[in-house]
Protein backbone atom coordinates (compact mmCIF):
# COMPACT_ATOMS: atom_id res chain seq x y z
CA MET A 1 -109.92 -2.10 132.54
CA GLU A 2 -112.32 0.74 131.91
CA GLN A 3 -114.63 1.35 128.98
CA CYS A 4 -115.37 4.59 127.16
CA PRO A 5 -118.93 5.76 128.08
CA HIS A 6 -119.28 7.20 124.56
CA CYS A 7 -118.01 4.52 122.16
CA GLY A 8 -117.48 1.55 124.47
CA ALA A 9 -113.78 1.12 123.64
CA THR A 10 -111.61 -0.60 126.23
CA LEU A 11 -109.26 1.93 127.89
CA PRO A 12 -106.15 1.72 130.07
CA ALA A 13 -106.48 2.44 133.79
CA ASP A 14 -106.50 6.11 134.93
CA SER A 15 -107.43 7.32 131.41
CA HIS A 16 -108.94 10.80 131.06
CA TYR A 17 -109.63 10.71 127.34
CA CYS A 18 -110.75 7.95 125.06
CA GLY A 19 -107.94 6.87 122.78
CA HIS A 20 -110.50 5.76 120.16
CA CYS A 21 -112.98 8.63 119.84
CA GLY A 22 -110.91 11.37 121.55
CA LEU A 23 -113.68 12.52 124.00
CA PRO A 24 -113.18 13.08 127.76
CA LEU A 25 -114.32 10.23 129.89
CA TYR A 26 -116.02 12.46 132.48
CA GLY A 27 -117.93 15.40 131.32
CA ALA A 28 -120.50 16.13 128.70
CA ALA A 29 -121.84 13.15 126.88
CA PRO A 30 -122.01 13.22 123.12
CA HIS A 31 -124.43 15.83 121.82
CA GLU A 32 -124.78 17.36 125.34
CA PRO A 33 -123.81 20.84 126.52
CA THR A 34 -120.23 21.28 127.64
CA GLU A 35 -121.41 22.08 131.23
CA ARG A 36 -123.66 20.03 133.40
CA ALA A 37 -126.77 21.52 134.92
CA GLY A 38 -126.53 22.58 138.56
CA ALA A 39 -127.39 20.08 141.26
CA GLY A 40 -130.16 22.36 142.52
CA GLY A 41 -132.51 21.41 139.72
CA ARG A 42 -131.60 24.12 137.19
CA GLU A 43 -133.07 23.94 133.74
CA PRO A 44 -131.05 22.14 131.12
CA GLY A 45 -128.99 24.34 128.89
CA PRO A 46 -125.78 26.16 129.03
CA ALA A 47 -125.00 27.85 132.33
CA VAL A 48 -124.95 31.63 132.31
CA LEU A 49 -122.08 32.97 134.30
CA ASP A 50 -122.77 36.18 136.06
CA PRO A 51 -119.64 38.27 136.38
CA THR A 52 -121.10 39.94 139.51
CA ARG A 53 -121.21 36.76 141.46
CA GLN A 54 -118.70 36.14 144.12
CA ALA A 55 -115.96 33.77 143.39
CA GLY A 56 -115.98 30.65 145.41
CA PRO A 57 -117.11 27.09 145.40
CA LEU A 58 -120.63 26.26 144.35
CA SER A 59 -122.67 24.34 146.80
CA GLY A 60 -124.46 21.20 145.93
CA GLY A 61 -123.81 18.56 143.31
CA PRO A 62 -121.37 15.73 143.35
CA TYR A 63 -118.77 17.74 141.38
CA PRO A 64 -117.99 20.99 143.20
CA ALA A 65 -116.62 23.73 140.99
CA THR A 66 -115.21 27.19 141.44
CA VAL A 67 -117.00 30.22 140.10
CA PRO A 68 -114.61 32.44 138.15
CA GLU A 69 -113.98 35.92 139.32
CA ALA A 70 -115.52 38.92 137.67
CA ALA A 71 -113.82 40.00 134.44
CA SER A 72 -111.96 36.74 134.26
CA SER A 73 -112.01 34.58 131.20
CA PRO A 74 -115.22 32.64 130.92
CA TYR A 75 -113.15 29.74 129.67
CA ALA A 76 -111.43 29.32 133.06
CA ALA A 77 -114.20 26.93 133.99
CA THR A 78 -114.41 24.22 136.51
CA VAL A 79 -112.58 21.10 135.52
CA TYR A 80 -114.20 17.87 136.18
CA GLY A 81 -112.23 15.56 138.38
CA THR A 82 -112.09 11.84 138.84
CA PRO A 83 -113.27 10.45 142.16
CA ALA A 84 -110.55 8.77 144.11
CA SER A 85 -110.87 5.04 144.09
CA GLY A 86 -112.40 3.80 147.34
CA GLY A 87 -112.92 7.25 148.91
CA GLY A 88 -114.96 10.39 148.71
CA LEU A 89 -115.10 12.82 145.86
CA GLU A 90 -112.19 15.25 145.53
CA THR A 91 -111.90 18.39 143.55
CA GLU A 92 -109.24 18.16 140.82
CA PRO A 93 -106.85 21.11 140.77
CA VAL A 94 -107.63 23.68 138.15
CA ARG A 95 -105.31 23.40 135.04
CA GLN A 96 -104.29 26.23 132.83
CA ASP A 97 -105.96 24.81 129.68
CA LEU A 98 -109.16 22.88 129.74
CA PHE A 99 -108.22 21.14 126.49
CA THR A 100 -104.73 20.11 127.54
CA PRO A 101 -104.85 16.56 128.90
CA PRO A 102 -102.73 15.52 131.86
CA PRO A 103 -99.44 13.82 131.15
CA PRO A 104 -100.18 10.31 129.88
CA PRO A 105 -98.65 7.21 131.37
CA PRO A 106 -95.45 6.04 129.69
CA SER A 107 -97.23 3.34 127.73
CA PHE A 108 -99.96 5.57 126.33
CA GLU A 109 -99.96 7.34 122.98
CA TYR A 110 -102.47 10.00 122.02
CA PRO A 111 -104.19 9.60 118.71
CA PRO A 112 -104.19 12.62 116.38
CA LEU A 113 -106.85 15.16 117.12
CA TYR A 114 -108.20 14.93 113.62
CA PRO A 115 -106.90 11.60 112.25
CA VAL A 116 -106.67 11.65 108.47
CA PRO A 117 -106.59 8.22 106.85
CA PRO A 118 -103.80 7.80 104.38
CA GLY A 119 -105.02 8.19 100.81
CA PRO A 120 -103.59 7.55 97.38
CA GLN A 121 -102.83 11.24 96.85
CA SER A 122 -100.90 11.70 100.07
CA GLN A 123 -98.78 8.63 99.27
CA ARG A 124 -98.05 9.49 95.66
CA ALA A 125 -97.37 13.23 95.96
CA PRO A 126 -93.83 12.91 97.33
CA ARG A 127 -93.04 10.31 94.70
CA ARG A 128 -94.31 12.56 91.92
CA ARG A 129 -92.10 15.37 93.12
CA SER A 130 -89.15 12.99 93.24
CA LEU A 131 -89.86 11.75 89.75
CA LEU A 132 -90.05 15.32 88.47
CA VAL A 133 -86.70 16.14 90.04
CA ILE A 134 -85.14 12.96 88.66
CA GLY A 135 -86.62 13.67 85.26
CA ALA A 136 -85.13 17.16 85.25
CA LEU A 137 -81.74 15.76 86.20
CA VAL A 138 -81.96 13.17 83.43
CA VAL A 139 -82.77 15.90 80.91
CA VAL A 140 -79.76 17.93 82.04
CA VAL A 141 -77.48 14.89 81.86
CA VAL A 142 -78.77 14.01 78.41
CA LEU A 143 -78.25 17.55 77.16
CA VAL A 144 -74.71 17.72 78.51
CA ALA A 145 -73.86 14.27 77.16
CA GLY A 146 -75.38 15.18 73.84
CA ALA A 147 -73.29 18.33 73.61
CA ILE A 148 -70.15 16.34 74.35
CA ALA A 149 -71.07 13.62 71.86
CA VAL A 150 -71.95 15.93 68.97
CA PRO A 151 -68.49 15.83 67.30
CA SER A 152 -68.59 12.03 67.09
CA LEU A 153 -72.27 11.37 66.39
CA LEU A 154 -71.50 10.42 62.79
CA HIS A 155 -69.05 7.82 64.07
CA LEU A 156 -71.43 6.46 66.77
CA GLY A 157 -71.56 2.70 66.80
CA ARG A 158 -68.58 2.27 64.46
CA GLY A 159 -65.30 0.60 65.28
CA GLN A 160 -61.78 1.77 64.68
CA PRO A 161 -61.20 3.02 61.10
CA GLN A 162 -59.37 0.50 58.94
CA LEU A 163 -57.26 1.08 55.84
CA LYS A 164 -56.21 -1.29 53.06
CA VAL A 165 -53.80 -0.67 50.18
CA SER A 166 -53.46 -2.77 47.05
CA SER A 167 -51.10 -2.34 44.12
CA ALA A 168 -50.17 -4.11 40.92
CA TYR A 169 -46.54 -3.83 42.03
CA HIS A 170 -44.80 -5.37 45.03
CA VAL A 171 -41.49 -5.51 46.82
CA GLY A 172 -41.68 -8.84 48.55
CA ASN A 173 -45.15 -8.89 50.11
CA LEU A 174 -45.43 -5.12 50.42
CA PRO A 175 -47.40 -2.97 47.98
CA ALA A 176 -45.10 -0.80 45.90
CA ALA A 177 -45.45 2.27 43.74
CA ALA A 178 -43.43 4.89 41.93
CA THR A 179 -44.02 8.39 40.67
CA GLY A 180 -46.94 8.34 38.26
CA VAL A 181 -48.41 5.15 39.76
CA SER A 182 -51.63 5.01 41.78
CA LEU A 183 -52.26 2.99 44.92
CA GLN A 184 -55.72 1.52 45.31
CA VAL A 185 -56.81 2.56 48.80
CA SER A 186 -59.96 1.33 50.54
CA GLY A 187 -61.20 1.97 54.06
CA GLU A 188 -64.14 1.42 56.35
CA GLN A 189 -65.63 2.49 59.70
CA PHE A 190 -64.92 6.15 59.07
CA ALA A 191 -67.51 8.88 59.71
CA SER A 192 -70.26 9.05 57.11
CA ASN A 193 -69.96 11.47 54.20
CA SER A 194 -66.75 12.88 55.59
CA PRO A 195 -63.60 14.21 53.89
CA VAL A 196 -60.51 12.12 54.50
CA THR A 197 -56.91 13.29 54.83
CA PHE A 198 -54.03 10.90 54.16
CA TYR A 199 -50.75 10.94 56.07
CA LEU A 200 -47.37 9.57 55.01
CA ASP A 201 -45.23 8.95 58.08
CA GLY A 202 -47.45 11.40 59.98
CA GLN A 203 -47.19 14.18 57.41
CA ALA A 204 -50.34 15.20 55.58
CA LEU A 205 -50.27 14.54 51.84
CA SER A 206 -51.18 17.62 49.87
CA GLY A 207 -53.27 17.49 46.75
CA THR A 208 -55.24 14.39 47.76
CA GLN A 209 -59.01 14.53 47.96
CA ALA A 210 -61.22 11.73 49.23
CA LYS A 211 -64.64 11.41 50.85
CA THR A 212 -66.46 8.55 52.52
CA ASP A 213 -69.91 7.35 51.53
CA SER A 214 -73.00 7.18 53.77
CA ASN A 215 -71.71 3.95 55.33
CA GLY A 216 -68.32 5.43 56.23
CA ALA A 217 -66.57 3.44 53.48
CA LEU A 218 -63.75 4.81 51.36
CA ARG A 219 -62.38 3.85 47.96
CA VAL A 220 -59.88 6.00 46.08
CA ASN A 221 -56.86 5.80 43.79
CA LEU A 222 -54.02 7.61 45.51
CA SER A 223 -51.51 9.00 43.02
CA VAL A 224 -47.84 8.95 43.94
CA THR A 225 -45.90 12.11 43.12
CA ASN A 226 -42.20 12.91 43.09
CA SER A 227 -42.63 14.40 46.58
CA TRP A 228 -42.88 10.87 47.97
CA LYS A 229 -39.37 9.94 49.02
CA LEU A 230 -37.93 6.56 48.08
CA GLY A 231 -38.13 3.79 50.66
CA GLN A 232 -40.66 2.31 53.07
CA HIS A 233 -43.40 4.49 54.50
CA THR A 234 -46.47 4.15 56.72
CA LEU A 235 -49.73 5.36 55.22
CA THR A 236 -52.57 6.40 57.57
CA ALA A 237 -55.73 8.48 57.27
CA ALA A 238 -58.19 10.51 59.37
CA ASP A 239 -61.72 11.72 58.62
CA GLY A 240 -63.28 15.10 59.33
CA SER A 241 -64.31 13.96 62.85
CA ASN A 242 -60.67 13.12 63.64
CA ASN A 243 -61.30 9.39 63.63
CA ARG A 244 -57.83 8.10 62.81
CA VAL A 245 -56.39 4.88 61.46
CA GLU A 246 -54.22 3.61 64.28
CA GLN A 247 -52.65 0.70 62.41
CA GLY A 248 -51.14 2.14 59.24
CA VAL A 249 -50.21 0.27 56.07
CA THR A 250 -46.58 -0.08 54.96
CA VAL A 251 -45.90 0.83 51.34
CA VAL A 252 -42.64 0.95 49.37
CA ILE A 253 -41.80 3.79 47.01
CA VAL A 254 -39.30 2.77 44.33
CA PRO A 255 -37.63 4.58 41.41
CA GLN A 256 -39.66 4.62 38.24
CA GLY A 257 -39.17 1.35 36.41
CA GLN A 258 -38.33 -0.76 39.46
CA ALA A 259 -40.67 -3.35 40.97
CA HIS A 260 -41.97 -3.68 37.41
CA THR A 261 -43.44 -0.19 37.58
CA PRO A 262 -43.54 1.85 34.37
CA GLY A 263 -40.61 4.06 33.61
CA PRO A 264 -40.92 7.78 32.92
CA ASN A 265 -43.48 8.69 30.27
CA GLY A 266 -44.88 5.18 30.43
CA ALA A 267 -41.67 3.48 29.32
CA PRO A 268 -41.23 -0.25 29.83
CA PRO A 269 -40.14 -1.41 33.31
CA ASP A 270 -36.48 -1.93 34.06
CA ASP A 271 -36.86 -5.70 34.19
CA ALA A 272 -38.78 -5.92 30.90
CA SER A 273 -37.41 -7.41 27.69
CA PHE A 274 -38.31 -5.71 24.42
CA LYS A 275 -37.05 -4.57 21.01
CA ILE A 276 -36.73 -1.17 19.39
CA ALA A 277 -36.43 -0.58 15.64
CA PHE A 278 -34.12 2.37 15.07
CA THR A 279 -32.70 4.54 12.31
CA ALA A 280 -29.42 6.35 12.87
CA SER A 281 -28.08 9.28 10.84
CA ASN A 282 -24.44 10.36 10.81
CA GLY A 283 -24.12 13.21 8.39
CA SER A 284 -24.87 11.79 4.97
CA GLN A 285 -24.81 8.20 6.15
CA THR A 286 -27.92 6.42 7.40
CA GLN A 287 -28.07 3.07 9.11
CA SER A 288 -30.97 1.07 10.49
CA GLY A 289 -31.19 -1.78 12.88
CA ILE A 290 -32.81 -3.22 15.99
CA PHE A 291 -31.91 -2.76 19.63
CA THR A 292 -32.66 -5.83 21.72
CA VAL A 293 -33.18 -5.12 25.42
CA THR A 294 -32.99 -8.05 27.84
CA GLY A 295 -34.44 -7.39 31.28
CA HIS A 296 -32.89 -8.50 34.58
CA PRO A 297 -34.07 -8.39 38.20
CA ASP A 298 -33.80 -5.09 40.06
CA PRO A 299 -31.68 -3.14 40.36
CA ALA A 300 -29.58 -4.41 37.46
CA GLY A 301 -31.91 -3.15 34.75
CA GLY A 302 -31.68 -4.31 31.15
CA THR A 303 -28.78 -5.01 28.83
CA ILE A 304 -28.75 -3.91 25.15
CA CYS A 305 -27.34 -5.35 21.95
CA ALA A 306 -27.83 -4.33 18.35
CA SER A 307 -28.16 -5.93 14.98
CA TYR A 308 -27.99 -4.06 11.70
CA ALA A 309 -29.79 -4.32 8.44
CA ASN A 310 -26.48 -5.06 6.60
CA GLY A 311 -26.00 -8.20 8.69
CA MET A 312 -23.58 -6.81 11.21
CA GLN A 313 -24.12 -7.90 14.80
CA ASP A 314 -22.28 -7.04 18.00
CA ASP A 315 -22.04 -10.60 19.18
CA GLY A 316 -18.23 -10.83 19.34
CA GLN A 317 -18.08 -12.85 16.13
CA PRO A 318 -16.43 -11.78 12.82
CA HIS A 319 -18.82 -10.38 10.27
CA THR A 320 -17.73 -9.49 6.69
CA LEU A 321 -19.36 -6.69 4.79
CA SER A 322 -18.89 -5.87 1.09
CA GLY A 323 -19.24 -2.51 -0.60
CA VAL A 324 -18.06 0.02 -3.17
CA THR A 325 -16.39 3.29 -2.34
CA SER A 326 -17.50 6.60 -3.81
CA ASN A 327 -14.71 6.37 -6.48
CA GLY A 328 -15.73 2.88 -7.53
CA ILE A 329 -13.24 0.72 -5.64
CA ARG A 330 -14.63 -2.48 -4.20
CA TYR A 331 -13.84 -3.51 -0.64
CA GLN A 332 -14.57 -6.12 2.02
CA GLU A 333 -14.67 -5.12 5.71
CA THR A 334 -14.43 -7.64 8.51
CA LEU A 335 -15.69 -6.45 11.90
CA VAL A 336 -15.79 -7.93 15.38
CA ALA A 337 -17.92 -5.94 17.82
CA ASN A 338 -19.22 -6.40 21.28
CA CYS A 339 -22.29 -4.77 22.78
CA GLN A 340 -22.31 -2.90 26.04
CA GLY A 341 -25.19 -0.96 27.47
CA THR A 342 -27.94 -0.63 30.01
CA TYR A 343 -31.62 0.21 30.17
CA ARG A 344 -33.05 1.79 33.33
CA ALA A 345 -35.89 4.20 34.07
CA GLY A 346 -36.84 4.54 30.42
CA LYS A 347 -33.34 5.50 29.34
CA ILE A 348 -31.08 3.67 26.89
CA ILE A 349 -27.28 3.88 27.03
CA TYR A 350 -25.79 1.69 24.32
CA LYS A 351 -22.08 1.22 23.55
CA GLU A 352 -20.67 -0.70 20.66
CA PHE A 353 -17.00 -1.68 21.01
CA TYR A 354 -15.08 -2.66 17.88
CA SER A 355 -12.15 -4.88 18.75
CA GLN A 356 -11.38 -5.66 15.07
CA ASP A 357 -12.00 -3.55 11.99
CA GLN A 358 -10.10 -4.52 8.79
CA VAL A 359 -10.79 -3.39 5.24
CA VAL A 360 -9.37 -4.96 2.03
CA PHE A 361 -9.50 -2.66 -1.00
CA GLN A 362 -9.39 -4.21 -4.47
CA THR A 363 -7.39 -1.68 -6.50
CA SER A 364 -5.93 -1.95 -10.02
CA LEU A 365 -2.51 -2.32 -8.44
CA GLY A 366 -3.64 -5.11 -6.20
CA ASN A 367 -5.25 -5.50 -2.82
CA VAL A 368 -4.50 -3.00 -0.11
CA THR A 369 -5.29 -3.96 3.49
CA CYS A 370 -6.05 -1.26 6.05
CA THR A 371 -6.57 -1.89 9.76
CA ALA A 372 -8.38 0.48 12.16
CA ALA A 373 -7.51 1.05 15.76
CA PRO A 374 -10.11 -0.16 18.26
CA HIS A 375 -12.92 2.30 18.57
CA THR A 376 -16.42 2.77 20.03
CA VAL A 377 -19.77 4.24 19.07
CA GLN A 378 -22.39 5.21 21.62
CA ALA A 379 -26.15 5.75 21.30
CA ASP A 380 -28.08 7.46 24.11
CA GLY A 381 -31.85 7.81 24.09
CA SER A 382 -35.01 8.08 26.21
CA PHE A 383 -38.64 7.21 25.77
CA VAL A 384 -40.64 10.29 24.89
CA ASP A 385 -43.87 8.36 25.38
CA ALA A 386 -44.79 4.78 25.97
CA THR A 387 -43.61 3.58 22.52
CA HIS A 388 -41.17 6.11 21.04
CA VAL A 389 -37.50 6.80 21.73
CA LYS A 390 -35.26 9.60 20.58
CA GLY A 391 -31.53 9.99 21.09
CA THR A 392 -28.07 10.97 19.90
CA LEU A 393 -24.99 9.25 18.44
CA SER A 394 -21.41 9.93 19.46
CA GLY A 395 -17.99 8.43 18.99
CA PRO A 396 -14.35 9.59 19.04
CA ALA A 397 -12.22 9.91 15.91
CA TYR A 398 -9.94 7.02 14.95
CA SER A 399 -7.45 6.14 12.16
CA TYR A 400 -6.67 3.35 9.66
CA SER A 401 -3.19 2.13 8.86
CA CYS A 402 -2.65 0.46 5.45
CA ASP A 403 -0.03 -2.08 4.34
CA ASN A 404 1.05 0.13 1.42
CA GLY A 405 2.21 2.77 3.88
CA ASN A 406 -0.85 4.98 3.56
CA SER A 407 -3.18 5.95 6.40
CA SER A 408 -6.52 7.63 6.74
CA GLN A 409 -8.42 9.44 9.52
CA VAL A 410 -12.05 8.90 10.48
CA GLN A 411 -13.72 11.90 12.07
CA GLU A 412 -15.65 11.70 15.30
CA VAL A 413 -19.15 10.39 15.08
CA THR A 414 -22.06 12.73 15.75
CA GLY A 415 -25.63 12.11 14.82
CA THR A 416 -29.13 11.33 15.95
CA TRP A 417 -31.38 8.32 16.06
CA GLU A 418 -35.02 7.51 16.60
CA GLY A 419 -36.70 4.29 17.56
CA GLN A 420 -40.08 2.68 18.06
CA LEU A 421 -41.09 -0.04 20.44
CA LEU A 422 -41.94 -3.24 18.68
CA ALA A 423 -44.98 -5.19 19.84
């Protein structure tokens, strides 16, 4: 192994340059001129090449060199050779570039000419550039994602919108309603402060206005109109950000008065039982009484019977009435009547059927008995508000046959009546 004459580093065999300090092994020592002084005792200092000298080998000295020709490059200088091991000195062939080292052995690697130790800046610079590029990409992705997410920002973090419907009326376990009735609708997980549109079987309901609060909650009374068809329907909703209720609520729309809903104008339900005090007028005659309505489960509605102030009742039992005719003749009338009638949707249809009507007149010649053919009287009426009813009277004409051979005709009944709901 050889050692560098400049720094003392151990070198591989046949080395020309020191792999540690980078200086040639044979040549000028550190801080010396790049050319040796001539062997003939020349003064130290750089050699002055005379272009007029003849080219050829210089005599003397252990390292013969070749003088460059006139006008040639002064840098084509003599190259110092390495004495052959065990023999005499030989002149190394001139190379094209003084600073180009000979090909190194396969196991040798040249150090950099100006080695620069790695520093913090050289290590971090590429990373900083990478971070800047990544940061720019992140900004772009965030902007794009933000633009896509803008329509649903108000719904961010919320679940699927939910809808609930409650009602004072039911068909089985389902909430029910009728025209004029409101459904109590509540919802949650909608977009905040957003308008809400309701849908009945997928069709938007017109005339409904609702808005969520800052928490995306909803509470509104939804009025049922006559545009809602009878039957079962699915109610859903969607907010202004198109967040929709996927699982709708089934509701039942019934005729007014059914499912214990109010009848038209606030009339009692069809299945309610109540009484109405009435006054009927038929020309010059006036009669008062009470209608008794007995409710039954849907869809039967109510049945109606009447009782009169004179004691007459339509209960199928004989009732005797006493009176005086306009010409002063006393009489007794025995009546048997049956009630027929219905109450539905705030409307009364009452029929009174007389199966027996017999009158005994007490004349000066004795009693005269007259019997009427079976006949009916009908009273129709409707609630004009929650407590008042108005209607008409009607009945066909009928005749009496008397046991003295006489007969009389009763004209058809026409008139009006009014009633009031009793508490």
